[in-house]
């Protein structure tokens, strides 16, 4: 039986007296991409915050490669890109990438950096400019480059395609698929169901504090007798 990259068991979290997560069960295997979908306020970001130990659980457990998520060592194999990524404005793009890699004990690899910049079509000249001069799309590309350059076994990406134009979205998908091909697990949230249908091996729909569906996009469409994933999603959260 293959090792589990990520395991949520009966995860519960309350906020202002209301259950945001009411017993979430979910697993992710190495070499798999899981798309977490839900309406605004469904608890997707709260689930990720619990995973990263930014907020305490009210019940249940989370394990990262078998290690309880509250242990610092559990997060060593993990790289995270937040939804509202904002690099230090005074750093150049190049300084930011070097700083992120140093924080993770990873020496910069010029060849790997050049390949990642090419993969995301982020102009190398932009790395000499400070982040305050970046557009939203360039900022997101920088965040993706900084995250995917890290040699990790698990990538957690919160709305990673936000602000990307169609070409950049396509390039982002290639970069993520390359990480999966290398054996990494990827958990991402997205409001773009078309991206989940194209990129993810599985979709998990979070609604009402529970996982309403967990399976392949094709199985989700079949389960709800829908024409496409968008229609299936609407039936799942109805």
C-alpha atoms as a PDB file:
ATOM      1  CA  UNK A   1       0.000   0.000   0.000  1.00  0.00           C
ATOM      2  CA  UNK A   2       1.476   3.372  -1.048  1.00  0.00           C
ATOM      3  CA  UNK A   3       2.352   6.033   1.496  1.00  0.00           C
ATOM      4  CA  UNK A   4      -0.265   8.716   2.105  1.00  0.00           C
ATOM      5  CA  UNK A   5       1.036  12.235   1.496  1.00  0.00           C
ATOM      6  CA  UNK A   6      -1.779  13.960   3.339  1.00  0.00           C
ATOM      7  CA  UNK A   7      -4.560  12.664   5.563  1.00  0.00           C
ATOM      8  CA  UNK A   8      -7.454  14.587   7.137  1.00  0.00           C
ATOM      9  CA  UNK A   9      -9.483  12.547   9.634  1.00  0.00           C
ATOM     10  CA  UNK A  10     -12.747  13.918  11.066  1.00  0.00           C
ATOM     11  CA  UNK A  11     -11.316  17.439  11.041  1.00  0.00           C
ATOM     12  CA  UNK A  12     -13.503  19.961  12.876  1.00  0.00           C
ATOM     13  CA  UNK A  13     -13.109  23.700  13.303  1.00  0.00           C
ATOM     14  CA  UNK A  14     -15.551  26.219  14.771  1.00  0.00           C
ATOM     15  CA  UNK A  15     -15.532  29.982  14.293  1.00  0.00           C
ATOM     16  CA  UNK A  16     -17.841  32.399  16.123  1.00  0.00           C
ATOM     17  CA  UNK A  17     -19.792  29.432  17.450  1.00  0.00           C
ATOM     18  CA  UNK A  18     -20.437  28.000  13.984  1.00  0.00           C
ATOM     19  CA  UNK A  19     -18.990  24.817  12.497  1.00  0.00           C
ATOM     20  CA  UNK A  20     -16.852  25.729   9.503  1.00  0.00           C
ATOM     21  CA  UNK A  21     -15.435  22.207   9.247  1.00  0.00           C
ATOM     22  CA  UNK A  22     -17.651  19.475  10.656  1.00  0.00           C
ATOM     23  CA  UNK A  23     -15.752  16.219  10.238  1.00  0.00           C
ATOM     24  CA  UNK A  24     -13.698  16.473   7.043  1.00  0.00           C
ATOM     25  CA  UNK A  25     -12.174  13.213   5.796  1.00  0.00           C
ATOM     26  CA  UNK A  26      -9.780  13.443   2.872  1.00  0.00           C
ATOM     27  CA  UNK A  27      -6.586  11.776   1.645  1.00  0.00           C
ATOM     28  CA  UNK A  28      -3.979  12.605  -0.977  1.00  0.00           C
ATOM     29  CA  UNK A  29      -1.418  10.172  -2.397  1.00  0.00           C
ATOM     30  CA  UNK A  30       2.030  10.918  -3.834  1.00  0.00           C
ATOM     31  CA  UNK A  31       1.930  11.608  -7.557  1.00  0.00           C
ATOM     32  CA  UNK A  32      -1.661  12.841  -7.370  1.00  0.00           C
ATOM     33  CA  UNK A  33      -3.273  16.249  -7.924  1.00  0.00           C
ATOM     34  CA  UNK A  34      -6.385  16.955  -5.859  1.00  0.00           C
ATOM     35  CA  UNK A  35      -8.580  19.979  -6.556  1.00  0.00           C
ATOM     36  CA  UNK A  36     -10.523  21.313  -3.572  1.00  0.00           C
ATOM     37  CA  UNK A  37     -13.648  23.186  -4.673  1.00  0.00           C
ATOM     38  CA  UNK A  38     -16.397  24.994  -2.828  1.00  0.00           C
ATOM     39  CA  UNK A  39     -18.387  28.206  -2.767  1.00  0.00           C
ATOM     40  CA  UNK A  40     -16.984  31.280  -1.028  1.00  0.00           C
ATOM     41  CA  UNK A  41     -17.014  30.669   2.719  1.00  0.00           C
ATOM     42  CA  UNK A  42     -17.148  26.883   2.357  1.00  0.00           C
ATOM     43  CA  UNK A  43     -14.037  26.498   4.504  1.00  0.00           C
ATOM     44  CA  UNK A  44     -11.353  25.740   1.906  1.00  0.00           C
ATOM     45  CA  UNK A  45      -8.872  28.280   3.230  1.00  0.00           C
ATOM     46  CA  UNK A  46      -9.723  27.333   6.824  1.00  0.00           C
ATOM     47  CA  UNK A  47      -8.871  23.714   6.005  1.00  0.00           C
ATOM     48  CA  UNK A  48      -5.509  24.806   4.609  1.00  0.00           C
ATOM     49  CA  UNK A  49      -4.871  27.006   7.644  1.00  0.00           C
ATOM     50  CA  UNK A  50      -5.552  24.020   9.879  1.00  0.00           C
ATOM     51  CA  UNK A  51      -3.170  21.907   7.799  1.00  0.00           C
ATOM     52  CA  UNK A  52      -0.415  24.493   8.256  1.00  0.00           C
ATOM     53  CA  UNK A  53      -1.173  24.742  12.006  1.00  0.00           C
ATOM     54  CA  UNK A  54      -2.117  28.407  11.685  1.00  0.00           C
ATOM     55  CA  UNK A  55      -5.240  27.618  13.687  1.00  0.00           C
ATOM     56  CA  UNK A  56      -6.050  24.835  16.131  1.00  0.00           C
ATOM     57  CA  UNK A  57      -8.397  21.945  15.415  1.00  0.00           C
ATOM     58  CA  UNK A  58     -11.543  21.514  17.489  1.00  0.00           C
ATOM     59  CA  UNK A  59     -11.552  17.830  16.619  1.00  0.00           C
ATOM     60  CA  UNK A  60      -9.925  15.227  14.411  1.00  0.00           C
ATOM     61  CA  UNK A  61      -6.360  14.917  13.167  1.00  0.00           C
ATOM     62  CA  UNK A  62      -4.164  15.804  10.205  1.00  0.00           C
ATOM     63  CA  UNK A  63      -1.028  13.924   9.157  1.00  0.00           C
ATOM     64  CA  UNK A  64       1.576  14.832   6.538  1.00  0.00           C
ATOM     65  CA  UNK A  65       3.409  11.715   5.331  1.00  0.00           C
ATOM     66  CA  UNK A  66       2.295  10.044   8.536  1.00  0.00           C
ATOM     67  CA  UNK A  67       3.575  12.789  10.873  1.00  0.00           C
ATOM     68  CA  UNK A  68       1.057  14.785  12.982  1.00  0.00           C
ATOM     69  CA  UNK A  69       0.675  18.231  11.407  1.00  0.00           C
ATOM     70  CA  UNK A  70       1.450  20.083  14.655  1.00  0.00           C
ATOM     71  CA  UNK A  71       5.033  18.846  14.655  1.00  0.00           C
ATOM     72  CA  UNK A  72       7.418  21.274  12.892  1.00  0.00           C
ATOM     73  CA  UNK A  73       9.061  18.317  11.137  1.00  0.00           C
ATOM     74  CA  UNK A  74       5.724  17.519   9.446  1.00  0.00           C
ATOM     75  CA  UNK A  75       5.945  20.649   7.323  1.00  0.00           C
ATOM     76  CA  UNK A  76       9.481  20.032   6.091  1.00  0.00           C
ATOM     77  CA  UNK A  77       8.311  18.195   2.919  1.00  0.00           C
ATOM     78  CA  UNK A  78       5.648  20.850   2.167  1.00  0.00           C
ATOM     79  CA  UNK A  79       5.648  24.035   0.065  1.00  0.00           C
ATOM     80  CA  UNK A  80       2.735  26.479   0.317  1.00  0.00           C
ATOM     81  CA  UNK A  81       1.476  29.310  -1.881  1.00  0.00           C
ATOM     82  CA  UNK A  82      -1.206  31.458  -0.191  1.00  0.00           C
ATOM     83  CA  UNK A  83      -4.191  32.861  -2.051  1.00  0.00           C
ATOM     84  CA  UNK A  84      -3.148  36.464  -1.461  1.00  0.00           C
ATOM     85  CA  UNK A  85       0.536  36.130  -2.222  1.00  0.00           C
ATOM     86  CA  UNK A  86       2.454  39.359  -1.643  1.00  0.00           C
ATOM     87  CA  UNK A  87       6.268  39.311  -1.728  1.00  0.00           C
ATOM     88  CA  UNK A  88       8.268  41.934   0.209  1.00  0.00           C
ATOM     89  CA  UNK A  89       7.979  45.026  -1.961  1.00  0.00           C
ATOM     90  CA  UNK A  90      11.609  46.089  -1.435  1.00  0.00           C
ATOM     91  CA  UNK A  91      13.103  42.821  -2.705  1.00  0.00           C
ATOM     92  CA  UNK A  92      13.860  42.168  -6.341  1.00  0.00           C
ATOM     93  CA  UNK A  93      12.342  39.052  -7.843  1.00  0.00           C
ATOM     94  CA  UNK A  94      15.747  37.401  -7.845  1.00  0.00           C
ATOM     95  CA  UNK A  95      16.355  38.267  -4.197  1.00  0.00           C
ATOM     96  CA  UNK A  96      12.961  36.858  -3.265  1.00  0.00           C
ATOM     97  CA  UNK A  97      13.610  33.529  -4.999  1.00  0.00           C
ATOM     98  CA  UNK A  98      17.026  33.209  -3.369  1.00  0.00           C
ATOM     99  CA  UNK A  99      15.582  34.109   0.047  1.00  0.00           C
ATOM    100  CA  UNK A 100      12.794  31.503  -0.196  1.00  0.00           C
ATOM    101  CA  UNK A 101      15.233  28.774  -1.175  1.00  0.00           C
ATOM    102  CA  UNK A 102      17.606  29.736   1.640  1.00  0.00           C
ATOM    103  CA  UNK A 103      14.761  29.579   4.174  1.00  0.00           C
ATOM    104  CA  UNK A 104      14.162  25.992   3.077  1.00  0.00           C
ATOM    105  CA  UNK A 105      17.848  25.099   3.237  1.00  0.00           C
ATOM    106  CA  UNK A 106      18.062  24.807  -0.535  1.00  0.00           C
ATOM    107  CA  UNK A 107      20.935  26.271  -2.538  1.00  0.00           C
ATOM    108  CA  UNK A 108      19.911  28.271  -5.622  1.00  0.00           C
ATOM    109  CA  UNK A 109      20.349  26.355  -8.864  1.00  0.00           C
ATOM    110  CA  UNK A 110      20.733  28.816 -11.770  1.00  0.00           C
ATOM    111  CA  UNK A 111      19.805  26.173 -14.344  1.00  0.00           C
ATOM    112  CA  UNK A 112      16.662  25.142 -12.437  1.00  0.00           C
ATOM    113  CA  UNK A 113      15.701  28.797 -11.932  1.00  0.00           C
ATOM    114  CA  UNK A 114      16.139  29.553 -15.630  1.00  0.00           C
ATOM    115  CA  UNK A 115      14.054  26.503 -16.537  1.00  0.00           C
ATOM    116  CA  UNK A 116      11.267  27.518 -14.135  1.00  0.00           C
ATOM    117  CA  UNK A 117      11.234  31.093 -15.453  1.00  0.00           C
ATOM    118  CA  UNK A 118      10.986  29.715 -18.978  1.00  0.00           C
ATOM    119  CA  UNK A 119       8.253  27.299 -17.940  1.00  0.00           C
ATOM    120  CA  UNK A 120       6.165  30.178 -16.546  1.00  0.00           C
ATOM    121  CA  UNK A 121       7.330  32.722 -19.157  1.00  0.00           C
ATOM    122  CA  UNK A 122       8.546  35.087 -16.458  1.00  0.00           C
ATOM    123  CA  UNK A 123      11.097  37.401 -18.048  1.00  0.00           C
ATOM    124  CA  UNK A 124      14.490  36.988 -16.400  1.00  0.00           C
ATOM    125  CA  UNK A 125      14.959  40.758 -16.637  1.00  0.00           C
ATOM    126  CA  UNK A 126      12.007  41.150 -14.261  1.00  0.00           C
ATOM    127  CA  UNK A 127      14.038  39.486 -11.525  1.00  0.00           C
ATOM    128  CA  UNK A 128      16.205  42.612 -11.382  1.00  0.00           C
ATOM    129  CA  UNK A 129      13.197  44.795 -10.555  1.00  0.00           C
ATOM    130  CA  UNK A 130      11.689  45.187  -7.101  1.00  0.00           C
ATOM    131  CA  UNK A 131       8.394  43.412  -6.470  1.00  0.00           C
ATOM    132  CA  UNK A 132       6.575  46.729  -5.927  1.00  0.00           C
ATOM    133  CA  UNK A 133       6.797  47.267  -9.690  1.00  0.00           C
ATOM    134  CA  UNK A 134       5.224  43.911 -10.585  1.00  0.00           C
ATOM    135  CA  UNK A 135       1.749  43.541 -12.071  1.00  0.00           C
ATOM    136  CA  UNK A 136      -0.673  41.100 -10.411  1.00  0.00           C
ATOM    137  CA  UNK A 137       0.085  38.473 -13.036  1.00  0.00           C
ATOM    138  CA  UNK A 138       3.853  38.864 -12.628  1.00  0.00           C
ATOM    139  CA  UNK A 139       3.510  38.722  -8.837  1.00  0.00           C
ATOM    140  CA  UNK A 140       1.579  35.455  -9.104  1.00  0.00           C
ATOM    141  CA  UNK A 141       4.173  33.995 -11.466  1.00  0.00           C
ATOM    142  CA  UNK A 142       6.902  34.943  -8.983  1.00  0.00           C
ATOM    143  CA  UNK A 143       5.008  33.192  -6.192  1.00  0.00           C
ATOM    144  CA  UNK A 144       4.542  30.084  -8.306  1.00  0.00           C
ATOM    145  CA  UNK A 145       8.214  30.080  -9.294  1.00  0.00           C
ATOM    146  CA  UNK A 146       9.300  30.444  -5.671  1.00  0.00           C
ATOM    147  CA  UNK A 147       7.026  27.596  -4.609  1.00  0.00           C
ATOM    148  CA  UNK A 148       7.657  25.155  -7.434  1.00  0.00           C
ATOM    149  CA  UNK A 149      11.432  25.696  -7.355  1.00  0.00           C
ATOM    150  CA  UNK A 150      11.460  24.138  -3.910  1.00  0.00           C
ATOM    151  CA  UNK A 151      12.268  20.441  -3.978  1.00  0.00           C
ATOM    152  CA  UNK A 152       9.291  19.188  -1.979  1.00  0.00           C
ATOM    153  CA  UNK A 153       7.076  16.113  -1.867  1.00  0.00           C
ATOM    154  CA  UNK A 154       3.850  18.055  -1.259  1.00  0.00           C
ATOM    155  CA  UNK A 155       2.675  21.349  -2.769  1.00  0.00           C
ATOM    156  CA  UNK A 156      -0.317  23.202  -1.313  1.00  0.00           C
ATOM    157  CA  UNK A 157      -1.568  25.926  -3.656  1.00  0.00           C
ATOM    158  CA  UNK A 158      -4.457  28.239  -2.726  1.00  0.00           C
ATOM    159  CA  UNK A 159      -6.046  29.684  -5.902  1.00  0.00           C
ATOM    160  CA  UNK A 160      -2.700  29.442  -7.736  1.00  0.00           C
ATOM    161  CA  UNK A 161      -4.023  30.583 -11.140  1.00  0.00           C
ATOM    162  CA  UNK A 162      -5.511  33.816  -9.769  1.00  0.00           C
ATOM    163  CA  UNK A 163      -4.471  36.785 -11.907  1.00  0.00           C
ATOM    164  CA  UNK A 164      -2.942  34.673 -14.662  1.00  0.00           C
ATOM    165  CA  UNK A 165      -3.894  35.245 -18.282  1.00  0.00           C
ATOM    166  CA  UNK A 166      -4.914  32.235 -20.430  1.00  0.00           C
ATOM    167  CA  UNK A 167      -1.387  31.619 -21.680  1.00  0.00           C
ATOM    168  CA  UNK A 168       0.082  31.815 -18.189  1.00  0.00           C
ATOM    169  CA  UNK A 169      -2.622  29.442 -16.880  1.00  0.00           C
ATOM    170  CA  UNK A 170      -1.659  26.879 -19.496  1.00  0.00           C
ATOM    171  CA  UNK A 171       2.019  27.229 -18.575  1.00  0.00           C
ATOM    172  CA  UNK A 172       1.203  26.949 -14.877  1.00  0.00           C
ATOM    173  CA  UNK A 173      -0.616  23.674 -15.522  1.00  0.00           C
ATOM    174  CA  UNK A 174       2.420  22.278 -17.328  1.00  0.00           C
ATOM    175  CA  UNK A 175       4.657  23.229 -14.414  1.00  0.00           C
ATOM    176  CA  UNK A 176       2.351  21.522 -11.902  1.00  0.00           C
ATOM    177  CA  UNK A 177       2.059  18.409 -14.052  1.00  0.00           C
ATOM    178  CA  UNK A 178       5.864  18.246 -14.163  1.00  0.00           C
ATOM    179  CA  UNK A 179       5.919  18.161 -10.350  1.00  0.00           C
ATOM    180  CA  UNK A 180       3.333  15.372 -10.344  1.00  0.00           C
ATOM    181  CA  UNK A 181       5.386  13.429 -12.892  1.00  0.00           C
ATOM    182  CA  UNK A 182       8.318  13.687 -10.475  1.00  0.00           C
ATOM    183  CA  UNK A 183       6.180  11.978  -7.818  1.00  0.00           C
ATOM    184  CA  UNK A 184       5.022  14.973  -5.794  1.00  0.00           C
ATOM    185  CA  UNK A 185       1.504  15.354  -4.423  1.00  0.00           C
ATOM    186  CA  UNK A 186      -0.406  18.574  -5.123  1.00  0.00           C
ATOM    187  CA  UNK A 187      -3.406  19.975  -3.255  1.00  0.00           C
ATOM    188  CA  UNK A 188      -4.896  23.056  -4.854  1.00  0.00           C
ATOM    189  CA  UNK A 189      -8.017  25.128  -4.427  1.00  0.00           C
ATOM    190  CA  UNK A 190      -9.696  26.746  -7.406  1.00  0.00           C
ATOM    191  CA  UNK A 191     -12.907  28.477  -8.357  1.00  0.00           C
ATOM    192  CA  UNK A 192     -12.173  27.574 -11.991  1.00  0.00           C
ATOM    193  CA  UNK A 193     -13.800  24.176 -12.381  1.00  0.00           C
ATOM    194  CA  UNK A 194     -12.522  23.909 -15.946  1.00  0.00           C
ATOM    195  CA  UNK A 195      -8.977  24.036 -14.562  1.00  0.00           C
ATOM    196  CA  UNK A 196      -9.791  21.278 -12.059  1.00  0.00           C
ATOM    197  CA  UNK A 197     -11.368  19.141 -14.788  1.00  0.00           C
ATOM    198  CA  UNK A 198      -8.275  19.488 -16.975  1.00  0.00           C
ATOM    199  CA  UNK A 199      -5.528  19.353 -14.353  1.00  0.00           C
ATOM    200  CA  UNK A 200      -6.654  17.297 -11.356  1.00  0.00           C
ATOM    201  CA  UNK A 201      -6.831  13.550 -10.859  1.00  0.00           C
ATOM    202  CA  UNK A 202      -9.568  14.061  -8.251  1.00  0.00           C
ATOM    203  CA  UNK A 203     -11.971  16.747  -7.129  1.00  0.00           C
ATOM    204  CA  UNK A 204     -13.186  17.134  -3.544  1.00  0.00           C
ATOM    205  CA  UNK A 205     -16.225  19.377  -3.049  1.00  0.00           C
ATOM    206  CA  UNK A 206     -16.411  20.974   0.388  1.00  0.00           C
ATOM    207  CA  UNK A 207     -19.835  22.241   1.458  1.00  0.00           C
ATOM    208  CA  UNK A 208     -21.619  22.640   4.757  1.00  0.00           C
ATOM    209  CA  UNK A 209     -18.493  21.603   6.630  1.00  0.00           C
ATOM    210  CA  UNK A 210     -18.358  18.195   4.921  1.00  0.00           C
ATOM    211  CA  UNK A 211     -16.866  16.687   1.777  1.00  0.00           C
ATOM    212  CA  UNK A 212     -19.882  16.279  -0.498  1.00  0.00           C
ATOM    213  CA  UNK A 213     -17.957  14.451  -3.213  1.00  0.00           C
ATOM    214  CA  UNK A 214     -14.478  12.962  -3.585  1.00  0.00           C
ATOM    215  CA  UNK A 215     -13.481  11.282  -6.826  1.00  0.00           C
ATOM    216  CA  UNK A 216     -12.424  11.883 -10.408  1.00  0.00           C
ATOM    217  CA  UNK A 217     -13.986  14.772 -12.340  1.00  0.00           C
ATOM    218  CA  UNK A 218     -15.563  12.219 -14.692  1.00  0.00           C
ATOM    219  CA  UNK A 219     -17.040  10.298 -11.746  1.00  0.00           C
ATOM    220  CA  UNK A 220     -18.429  13.548 -10.335  1.00  0.00           C
ATOM    221  CA  UNK A 221     -20.206  14.318 -13.606  1.00  0.00           C
ATOM    222  CA  UNK A 222     -21.599  10.786 -13.743  1.00  0.00           C
ATOM    223  CA  UNK A 223     -22.660  10.804 -10.076  1.00  0.00           C
ATOM    224  CA  UNK A 224     -24.888  13.832 -10.563  1.00  0.00           C
ATOM    225  CA  UNK A 225     -25.946  13.003 -14.121  1.00  0.00           C
ATOM    226  CA  UNK A 226     -24.641  16.365 -15.267  1.00  0.00           C
ATOM    227  CA  UNK A 227     -23.471  17.649 -18.617  1.00  0.00           C
ATOM    228  CA  UNK A 228     -20.173  18.971 -17.246  1.00  0.00           C
ATOM    229  CA  UNK A 229     -18.264  19.520 -14.005  1.00  0.00           C
ATOM    230  CA  UNK A 230     -19.794  22.939 -13.433  1.00  0.00           C
ATOM    231  CA  UNK A 231     -23.322  21.539 -13.508  1.00  0.00           C
ATOM    232  CA  UNK A 232     -22.266  18.632 -11.268  1.00  0.00           C
ATOM    233  CA  UNK A 233     -20.763  21.068  -8.773  1.00  0.00           C
ATOM    234  CA  UNK A 234     -23.992  23.087  -8.635  1.00  0.00           C
ATOM    235  CA  UNK A 235     -25.946  19.890  -7.903  1.00  0.00           C
ATOM    236  CA  UNK A 236     -23.450  18.895  -5.208  1.00  0.00           C
ATOM    237  CA  UNK A 237     -23.837  22.164  -3.297  1.00  0.00           C
ATOM    238  CA  UNK A 238     -27.593  22.538  -3.843  1.00  0.00           C
END
